[in-house]
Amino acid sequence: MIPVELQRLLHERVKNLFSDHLFKNSKNEDVHINIFKQHLPPKKTKDDEPYPYIIIKLIEGEQLEEENPFQSQIMFVIGLYAEEDPYQGYLDVTMIIQKIFNDLKTNPVVGSNFELQYPVKWALHDEDVYPYYFGGIETTWSTPSIIRRDVEAMI
């Protein structure tokens, strides 16, 4: 399935993008951000927390007409824990959003087959769930179309 390949490539790209960045976890330790595909992993213990994280989530896809490229929607979901500086965790979420957006804008093609389309949307979670902070980026990608074999044989 082509969208799964896009998700895999974006996972690798975001992992590399944040390889030098450290964030606080719920134990106030500096850790690398966890990058997950589709879902958070199941907890192994009750104290097991995934923060900080980015989930690269397949949302939906469509092809409006046969001659148009297939469009895949991917959401980047960001979750951070920030207890140290009350109510400032949204700044780190916003920085992550900006870093991902800048990378996608300057390099809009992934794996030579997938191209970022506009609009790109971002949002911050607006409810107070201190010390947890959330945000996300909604992206749409053109993906390769399947070539019909029955038409190819007629040519």
N, C-alpha and C. Protein backbone atom coordinates (compact mmCIF):
# COMPACT_ATOMS: atom_id res chain seq x y z
N MET A 1 0.85 -1.18 0.00
CA MET A 1 0.00 0.00 0.00
C MET A 1 0.89 1.24 0.00
N ILE A 2 0.70 2.08 -0.96
CA ILE A 2 1.56 3.25 -1.17
C ILE A 2 1.55 4.23 0.00
N PRO A 3 0.40 4.58 0.61
CA PRO A 3 0.43 5.52 1.74
C PRO A 3 1.27 5.03 2.92
N VAL A 4 1.34 3.72 3.12
CA VAL A 4 2.16 3.18 4.20
C VAL A 4 3.64 3.44 3.93
N GLU A 5 4.04 3.39 2.68
CA GLU A 5 5.43 3.72 2.31
C GLU A 5 5.72 5.19 2.60
N LEU A 6 4.78 6.07 2.28
CA LEU A 6 4.93 7.49 2.61
C LEU A 6 5.08 7.68 4.11
N GLN A 7 4.25 7.01 4.89
CA GLN A 7 4.32 7.10 6.34
C GLN A 7 5.69 6.64 6.85
N ARG A 8 6.20 5.54 6.30
CA ARG A 8 7.51 5.02 6.71
C ARG A 8 8.62 6.03 6.41
N LEU A 9 8.58 6.62 5.23
CA LEU A 9 9.60 7.59 4.84
C LEU A 9 9.52 8.86 5.70
N LEU A 10 8.31 9.31 6.01
CA LEU A 10 8.16 10.48 6.89
C LEU A 10 8.64 10.17 8.30
N HIS A 11 8.40 8.96 8.76
CA HIS A 11 8.88 8.53 10.08
C HIS A 11 10.40 8.65 10.15
N GLU A 12 11.09 8.13 9.14
CA GLU A 12 12.56 8.22 9.10
C GLU A 12 13.02 9.68 9.04
N ARG A 13 12.34 10.46 8.25
CA ARG A 13 12.72 11.87 8.07
C ARG A 13 12.57 12.67 9.36
N VAL A 14 11.44 12.51 10.03
CA VAL A 14 11.21 13.24 11.28
C VAL A 14 12.16 12.75 12.38
N LYS A 15 12.44 11.47 12.40
CA LYS A 15 13.40 10.92 13.37
C LYS A 15 14.77 11.59 13.19
N ASN A 16 15.21 11.73 11.95
CA ASN A 16 16.48 12.40 11.66
C ASN A 16 16.42 13.89 11.99
N LEU A 17 15.29 14.50 11.74
CA LEU A 17 15.11 15.93 11.97
C LEU A 17 15.29 16.31 13.44
N PHE A 18 14.85 15.42 14.33
CA PHE A 18 14.91 15.71 15.77
C PHE A 18 15.97 14.89 16.50
N SER A 19 16.89 14.30 15.78
CA SER A 19 17.88 13.43 16.42
C SER A 19 18.79 14.17 17.40
N ASP A 20 18.95 15.48 17.24
CA ASP A 20 19.83 16.24 18.14
C ASP A 20 19.07 17.05 19.19
N HIS A 21 17.76 16.90 19.26
CA HIS A 21 16.95 17.69 20.19
C HIS A 21 16.55 16.86 21.41
N LEU A 22 16.61 17.47 22.56
CA LEU A 22 16.18 16.82 23.80
C LEU A 22 15.01 17.59 24.39
N PHE A 23 14.08 16.83 24.98
CA PHE A 23 12.91 17.39 25.64
C PHE A 23 12.77 16.71 26.99
N LYS A 24 11.98 17.29 27.87
CA LYS A 24 11.76 16.70 29.20
C LYS A 24 10.67 15.63 29.11
N ASN A 25 10.86 14.56 29.88
CA ASN A 25 9.80 13.58 30.05
C ASN A 25 9.14 13.83 31.41
N SER A 26 8.21 12.99 31.79
CA SER A 26 7.47 13.20 33.04
C SER A 26 8.33 12.97 34.29
N LYS A 27 9.52 12.43 34.10
CA LYS A 27 10.46 12.26 35.23
C LYS A 27 11.48 13.38 35.28
N ASN A 28 11.24 14.42 34.47
CA ASN A 28 12.11 15.59 34.37
C ASN A 28 13.51 15.25 33.83
N GLU A 29 13.58 14.21 33.01
CA GLU A 29 14.83 13.81 32.37
C GLU A 29 14.86 14.36 30.95
N ASP A 30 16.05 14.70 30.47
CA ASP A 30 16.21 15.11 29.08
C ASP A 30 16.29 13.86 28.21
N VAL A 31 15.36 13.74 27.27
CA VAL A 31 15.28 12.56 26.42
C VAL A 31 15.04 12.97 24.97
N HIS A 32 15.32 12.06 24.06
CA HIS A 32 14.98 12.28 22.65
C HIS A 32 13.47 12.09 22.49
N ILE A 33 12.93 12.79 21.52
CA ILE A 33 11.50 12.67 21.25
C ILE A 33 11.21 11.33 20.59
N ASN A 34 10.15 10.67 21.03
CA ASN A 34 9.73 9.40 20.45
C ASN A 34 8.94 9.67 19.17
N ILE A 35 9.23 8.92 18.12
CA ILE A 35 8.52 9.06 16.85
C ILE A 35 7.80 7.75 16.61
N PHE A 36 6.48 7.82 16.51
CA PHE A 36 5.66 6.62 16.33
C PHE A 36 4.89 6.70 15.02
N LYS A 37 4.52 5.52 14.50
CA LYS A 37 3.64 5.45 13.34
C LYS A 37 2.24 5.05 13.82
N GLN A 38 1.27 5.82 13.46
CA GLN A 38 -0.16 5.57 13.60
C GLN A 38 -0.71 5.66 15.02
N HIS A 39 -0.06 5.03 16.01
CA HIS A 39 -0.59 5.02 17.38
C HIS A 39 0.54 5.09 18.40
N LEU A 40 0.17 5.45 19.62
CA LEU A 40 1.11 5.30 20.72
C LEU A 40 1.25 3.81 21.03
N PRO A 41 2.41 3.38 21.48
CA PRO A 41 2.56 1.97 21.81
C PRO A 41 1.79 1.65 23.10
N PRO A 42 1.40 0.40 23.30
CA PRO A 42 0.72 0.05 24.54
C PRO A 42 1.66 0.20 25.73
N LYS A 43 1.07 0.58 26.86
CA LYS A 43 1.88 0.73 28.08
C LYS A 43 2.28 -0.66 28.59
N LYS A 44 3.54 -0.76 29.01
CA LYS A 44 4.02 -2.02 29.57
C LYS A 44 3.83 -2.02 31.09
N THR A 45 3.92 -0.84 31.68
CA THR A 45 3.66 -0.66 33.12
C THR A 45 2.78 0.57 33.29
N LYS A 46 2.21 0.75 34.48
CA LYS A 46 1.34 1.91 34.68
C LYS A 46 2.12 3.22 34.66
N ASP A 47 3.42 3.16 34.91
CA ASP A 47 4.26 4.37 34.88
C ASP A 47 4.88 4.63 33.51
N ASP A 48 4.64 3.75 32.57
CA ASP A 48 5.21 3.88 31.24
C ASP A 48 4.50 5.01 30.48
N GLU A 49 5.24 6.08 30.16
CA GLU A 49 4.67 7.20 29.44
C GLU A 49 5.44 7.45 28.16
N PRO A 50 4.75 7.81 27.08
CA PRO A 50 5.42 7.98 25.80
C PRO A 50 6.01 9.38 25.58
N TYR A 51 5.76 10.31 26.50
CA TYR A 51 6.16 11.70 26.30
C TYR A 51 7.66 11.86 26.35
N PRO A 52 8.16 12.73 25.52
CA PRO A 52 7.60 13.50 24.41
C PRO A 52 7.45 12.61 23.17
N TYR A 53 6.49 12.96 22.30
CA TYR A 53 6.29 12.13 21.12
C TYR A 53 5.75 12.92 19.94
N ILE A 54 5.95 12.31 18.77
CA ILE A 54 5.30 12.72 17.53
C ILE A 54 4.75 11.43 16.91
N ILE A 55 3.47 11.46 16.57
CA ILE A 55 2.85 10.33 15.87
C ILE A 55 2.63 10.75 14.42
N ILE A 56 3.06 9.91 13.49
CA ILE A 56 2.83 10.16 12.07
C ILE A 56 1.68 9.24 11.68
N LYS A 57 0.53 9.86 11.46
CA LYS A 57 -0.73 9.13 11.38
C LYS A 57 -1.37 9.25 10.00
N LEU A 58 -1.65 8.10 9.38
CA LEU A 58 -2.43 8.08 8.14
C LEU A 58 -3.87 8.41 8.50
N ILE A 59 -4.45 9.40 7.83
CA ILE A 59 -5.81 9.81 8.14
C ILE A 59 -6.79 9.29 7.08
N GLU A 60 -6.56 9.68 5.84
CA GLU A 60 -7.45 9.25 4.77
C GLU A 60 -6.78 9.49 3.42
N GLY A 61 -7.39 8.97 2.39
CA GLY A 61 -6.89 9.19 1.04
C GLY A 61 -8.05 9.25 0.07
N GLU A 62 -7.80 9.86 -1.08
CA GLU A 62 -8.82 9.91 -2.11
C GLU A 62 -8.20 10.20 -3.46
N GLN A 63 -8.92 9.79 -4.48
CA GLN A 63 -8.58 10.14 -5.85
C GLN A 63 -9.88 10.59 -6.49
N LEU A 64 -9.96 11.87 -6.81
CA LEU A 64 -11.21 12.45 -7.28
C LEU A 64 -11.58 12.03 -8.69
N GLU A 65 -10.57 11.91 -9.55
CA GLU A 65 -10.80 11.46 -10.93
C GLU A 65 -9.65 10.58 -11.34
N GLU A 66 -9.88 9.71 -12.31
CA GLU A 66 -8.87 8.74 -12.72
C GLU A 66 -7.56 9.39 -13.15
N GLU A 67 -7.63 10.53 -13.81
CA GLU A 67 -6.40 11.17 -14.30
C GLU A 67 -5.70 12.01 -13.23
N ASN A 68 -6.34 12.23 -12.09
CA ASN A 68 -5.72 12.99 -10.99
C ASN A 68 -4.88 12.07 -10.13
N PRO A 69 -3.84 12.62 -9.49
CA PRO A 69 -3.05 11.78 -8.57
C PRO A 69 -3.85 11.44 -7.32
N PHE A 70 -3.50 10.34 -6.73
CA PHE A 70 -4.08 9.93 -5.45
C PHE A 70 -3.57 10.86 -4.37
N GLN A 71 -4.43 11.29 -3.46
CA GLN A 71 -4.06 12.19 -2.37
C GLN A 71 -4.13 11.42 -1.05
N SER A 72 -3.07 11.50 -0.26
CA SER A 72 -3.03 10.87 1.06
C SER A 72 -2.89 11.94 2.12
N GLN A 73 -3.73 11.86 3.13
CA GLN A 73 -3.66 12.83 4.22
C GLN A 73 -2.90 12.21 5.39
N ILE A 74 -1.89 12.94 5.84
CA ILE A 74 -1.05 12.52 6.97
C ILE A 74 -1.11 13.60 8.05
N MET A 75 -1.29 13.16 9.29
CA MET A 75 -1.32 14.08 10.43
C MET A 75 -0.10 13.80 11.31
N PHE A 76 0.57 14.87 11.71
CA PHE A 76 1.65 14.79 12.68
C PHE A 76 1.06 15.23 14.02
N VAL A 77 0.97 14.32 14.98
CA VAL A 77 0.40 14.63 16.29
C VAL A 77 1.55 14.74 17.29
N ILE A 78 1.59 15.86 18.00
CA ILE A 78 2.69 16.15 18.92
C ILE A 78 2.17 16.15 20.34
N GLY A 79 2.87 15.46 21.23
CA GLY A 79 2.52 15.45 22.65
C GLY A 79 3.76 15.69 23.49
N LEU A 80 3.69 16.68 24.36
CA LEU A 80 4.82 17.00 25.23
C LEU A 80 4.38 17.07 26.69
N TYR A 81 5.33 16.86 27.55
CA TYR A 81 5.14 17.03 28.99
C TYR A 81 6.06 18.17 29.40
N ALA A 82 5.51 19.20 30.06
CA ALA A 82 6.32 20.36 30.46
C ALA A 82 5.79 20.91 31.78
N GLU A 83 6.37 20.43 32.86
CA GLU A 83 5.94 20.85 34.19
C GLU A 83 6.81 21.98 34.74
N GLU A 84 8.05 22.03 34.28
CA GLU A 84 9.05 22.95 34.83
C GLU A 84 8.66 24.42 34.72
N ASP A 85 8.17 24.83 33.57
CA ASP A 85 7.82 26.23 33.33
C ASP A 85 6.32 26.28 33.04
N PRO A 86 5.48 26.51 34.07
CA PRO A 86 4.03 26.38 33.91
C PRO A 86 3.48 27.14 32.71
N TYR A 87 2.66 26.43 31.95
CA TYR A 87 1.92 26.96 30.82
C TYR A 87 2.79 27.48 29.68
N GLN A 88 4.01 27.02 29.58
CA GLN A 88 4.88 27.42 28.48
C GLN A 88 5.19 26.27 27.53
N GLY A 89 4.63 25.09 27.79
CA GLY A 89 4.87 23.94 26.93
C GLY A 89 4.38 24.13 25.51
N TYR A 90 3.38 25.00 25.34
CA TYR A 90 2.88 25.26 23.98
C TYR A 90 3.98 25.85 23.10
N LEU A 91 4.95 26.53 23.72
CA LEU A 91 6.05 27.10 22.93
C LEU A 91 6.90 26.00 22.30
N ASP A 92 7.17 24.94 23.06
CA ASP A 92 7.92 23.80 22.50
C ASP A 92 7.11 23.09 21.42
N VAL A 93 5.80 22.94 21.63
CA VAL A 93 4.95 22.31 20.61
C VAL A 93 4.99 23.15 19.34
N THR A 94 4.89 24.47 19.50
CA THR A 94 4.91 25.37 18.34
C THR A 94 6.26 25.31 17.63
N MET A 95 7.35 25.19 18.38
CA MET A 95 8.68 25.06 17.77
C MET A 95 8.77 23.77 16.96
N ILE A 96 8.22 22.69 17.47
CA ILE A 96 8.24 21.42 16.74
C ILE A 96 7.42 21.54 15.45
N ILE A 97 6.25 22.15 15.55
CA ILE A 97 5.41 22.37 14.37
C ILE A 97 6.19 23.17 13.32
N GLN A 98 6.83 24.24 13.77
CA GLN A 98 7.57 25.10 12.84
C GLN A 98 8.73 24.36 12.20
N LYS A 99 9.43 23.55 12.99
CA LYS A 99 10.57 22.81 12.46
C LYS A 99 10.13 21.79 11.41
N ILE A 100 9.04 21.08 11.68
CA ILE A 100 8.53 20.12 10.70
C ILE A 100 8.06 20.85 9.44
N PHE A 101 7.29 21.94 9.64
CA PHE A 101 6.78 22.70 8.49
C PHE A 101 7.92 23.24 7.64
N ASN A 102 8.95 23.83 8.26
CA ASN A 102 10.09 24.37 7.52
C ASN A 102 10.78 23.27 6.71
N ASP A 103 10.93 22.09 7.32
CA ASP A 103 11.58 20.99 6.62
C ASP A 103 10.74 20.53 5.43
N LEU A 104 9.44 20.43 5.61
CA LEU A 104 8.57 20.00 4.52
C LEU A 104 8.50 21.04 3.41
N LYS A 105 8.51 22.31 3.78
CA LYS A 105 8.42 23.39 2.79
C LYS A 105 9.71 23.46 1.95
N THR A 106 10.86 23.29 2.58
CA THR A 106 12.13 23.37 1.84
C THR A 106 12.45 22.08 1.08
N ASN A 107 11.85 20.97 1.51
CA ASN A 107 12.05 19.67 0.85
C ASN A 107 10.69 19.00 0.68
N PRO A 108 9.85 19.49 -0.26
CA PRO A 108 8.47 19.01 -0.34
C PRO A 108 8.29 17.65 -1.01
N VAL A 109 9.36 17.04 -1.48
CA VAL A 109 9.25 15.73 -2.12
C VAL A 109 9.89 14.69 -1.19
N VAL A 110 9.18 13.61 -0.96
CA VAL A 110 9.66 12.53 -0.09
C VAL A 110 9.79 11.27 -0.94
N GLY A 111 10.97 10.68 -0.89
CA GLY A 111 11.19 9.41 -1.60
C GLY A 111 10.98 9.48 -3.10
N SER A 112 11.10 10.62 -3.70
CA SER A 112 10.96 10.89 -5.13
C SER A 112 9.57 10.60 -5.71
N ASN A 113 8.65 10.07 -4.89
CA ASN A 113 7.31 9.75 -5.38
C ASN A 113 6.19 10.56 -4.74
N PHE A 114 6.45 11.16 -3.61
CA PHE A 114 5.40 11.81 -2.83
C PHE A 114 5.69 13.30 -2.73
N GLU A 115 4.69 14.12 -3.07
CA GLU A 115 4.90 15.56 -3.05
C GLU A 115 3.87 16.24 -2.15
N LEU A 116 4.36 17.12 -1.28
CA LEU A 116 3.50 17.87 -0.38
C LEU A 116 2.58 18.78 -1.18
N GLN A 117 1.31 18.82 -0.80
CA GLN A 117 0.32 19.68 -1.43
C GLN A 117 -0.15 20.72 -0.41
N TYR A 118 -0.75 21.78 -0.89
CA TYR A 118 -1.26 22.82 -0.01
C TYR A 118 -2.78 22.80 -0.05
N PRO A 119 -3.43 23.18 1.03
CA PRO A 119 -2.89 23.85 2.21
C PRO A 119 -2.28 22.87 3.21
N VAL A 120 -1.39 23.39 4.05
CA VAL A 120 -0.86 22.69 5.21
C VAL A 120 -1.47 23.40 6.41
N LYS A 121 -2.08 22.64 7.31
CA LYS A 121 -2.74 23.23 8.47
C LYS A 121 -2.04 22.79 9.75
N TRP A 122 -2.04 23.66 10.75
CA TRP A 122 -1.52 23.29 12.05
C TRP A 122 -2.49 23.80 13.11
N ALA A 123 -2.42 23.19 14.29
CA ALA A 123 -3.30 23.60 15.38
C ALA A 123 -2.66 23.21 16.71
N LEU A 124 -3.01 23.96 17.74
CA LEU A 124 -2.64 23.64 19.12
C LEU A 124 -3.89 23.20 19.85
N HIS A 125 -3.75 22.26 20.75
CA HIS A 125 -4.86 21.83 21.60
C HIS A 125 -5.22 22.99 22.51
N ASP A 126 -6.47 23.40 22.52
CA ASP A 126 -6.82 24.63 23.23
C ASP A 126 -7.37 24.42 24.65
N GLU A 127 -7.51 23.19 25.08
CA GLU A 127 -7.97 22.97 26.44
C GLU A 127 -6.79 22.87 27.39
N ASP A 128 -7.01 23.27 28.63
CA ASP A 128 -5.96 23.24 29.64
C ASP A 128 -5.82 21.83 30.20
N VAL A 129 -4.73 21.17 29.84
CA VAL A 129 -4.43 19.83 30.35
C VAL A 129 -3.02 19.82 30.94
N TYR A 130 -2.61 20.96 31.49
CA TYR A 130 -1.29 21.11 32.10
C TYR A 130 -0.99 19.91 32.99
N PRO A 131 0.18 19.36 32.94
CA PRO A 131 1.41 19.75 32.25
C PRO A 131 1.60 19.11 30.88
N TYR A 132 0.52 18.68 30.26
CA TYR A 132 0.59 18.07 28.94
C TYR A 132 0.20 19.10 27.88
N TYR A 133 0.90 19.06 26.76
CA TYR A 133 0.66 20.00 25.66
C TYR A 133 0.61 19.24 24.36
N PHE A 134 -0.33 19.63 23.49
CA PHE A 134 -0.54 18.90 22.25
C PHE A 134 -0.70 19.86 21.07
N GLY A 135 -0.35 19.37 19.91
CA GLY A 135 -0.54 20.13 18.68
C GLY A 135 -0.46 19.18 17.52
N GLY A 136 -0.66 19.72 16.33
CA GLY A 136 -0.59 18.86 15.17
C GLY A 136 -0.46 19.62 13.88
N ILE A 137 -0.05 18.90 12.85
CA ILE A 137 0.06 19.43 11.50
C ILE A 137 -0.71 18.47 10.59
N GLU A 138 -1.57 19.02 9.76
CA GLU A 138 -2.33 18.23 8.79
C GLU A 138 -1.74 18.49 7.41
N THR A 139 -1.31 17.43 6.75
CA THR A 139 -0.69 17.55 5.42
C THR A 139 -1.40 16.65 4.42
N THR A 140 -1.31 17.03 3.17
CA THR A 140 -1.83 16.22 2.08
C THR A 140 -0.69 15.99 1.09
N TRP A 141 -0.60 14.78 0.60
CA TRP A 141 0.49 14.37 -0.29
C TRP A 141 -0.08 13.77 -1.56
N SER A 142 0.48 14.15 -2.70
CA SER A 142 0.13 13.45 -3.93
C SER A 142 1.00 12.20 -3.98
N THR A 143 0.37 11.10 -4.32
CA THR A 143 1.08 9.82 -4.35
C THR A 143 0.92 9.21 -5.74
N PRO A 144 1.81 8.31 -6.13
CA PRO A 144 1.74 7.74 -7.47
C PRO A 144 0.41 7.02 -7.70
N SER A 145 -0.08 7.15 -8.90
CA SER A 145 -1.31 6.46 -9.28
C SER A 145 -0.97 5.06 -9.80
N ILE A 146 -1.92 4.19 -9.70
CA ILE A 146 -1.78 2.85 -10.24
C ILE A 146 -2.05 2.91 -11.75
N ILE A 147 -1.23 2.25 -12.53
CA ILE A 147 -1.42 2.23 -13.98
C ILE A 147 -2.31 1.05 -14.34
N ARG A 148 -3.34 1.33 -15.11
CA ARG A 148 -4.28 0.28 -15.52
C ARG A 148 -3.62 -0.64 -16.54
N ARG A 149 -3.69 -1.92 -16.29
CA ARG A 149 -3.10 -2.89 -17.21
C ARG A 149 -3.98 -3.15 -18.42
N ASP A 150 -5.30 -3.06 -18.23
CA ASP A 150 -6.18 -3.34 -19.36
C ASP A 150 -6.03 -2.30 -20.47
N VAL A 151 -5.80 -1.04 -20.11
CA VAL A 151 -5.60 0.03 -21.10
C VAL A 151 -4.21 -0.09 -21.72
N GLU A 152 -3.23 -0.42 -20.90
CA GLU A 152 -1.85 -0.57 -21.37
C GLU A 152 -1.76 -1.65 -22.46
N ALA A 153 -2.52 -2.72 -22.26
CA ALA A 153 -2.50 -3.82 -23.24
C ALA A 153 -3.15 -3.43 -24.56
N MET A 154 -4.04 -2.44 -24.53
CA MET A 154 -4.75 -2.00 -25.75
C MET A 154 -3.89 -1.09 -26.61
N ILE A 155 -2.85 -0.52 -26.04
CA ILE A 155 -2.02 0.45 -26.77
C ILE A 155 -1.09 -0.23 -27.73
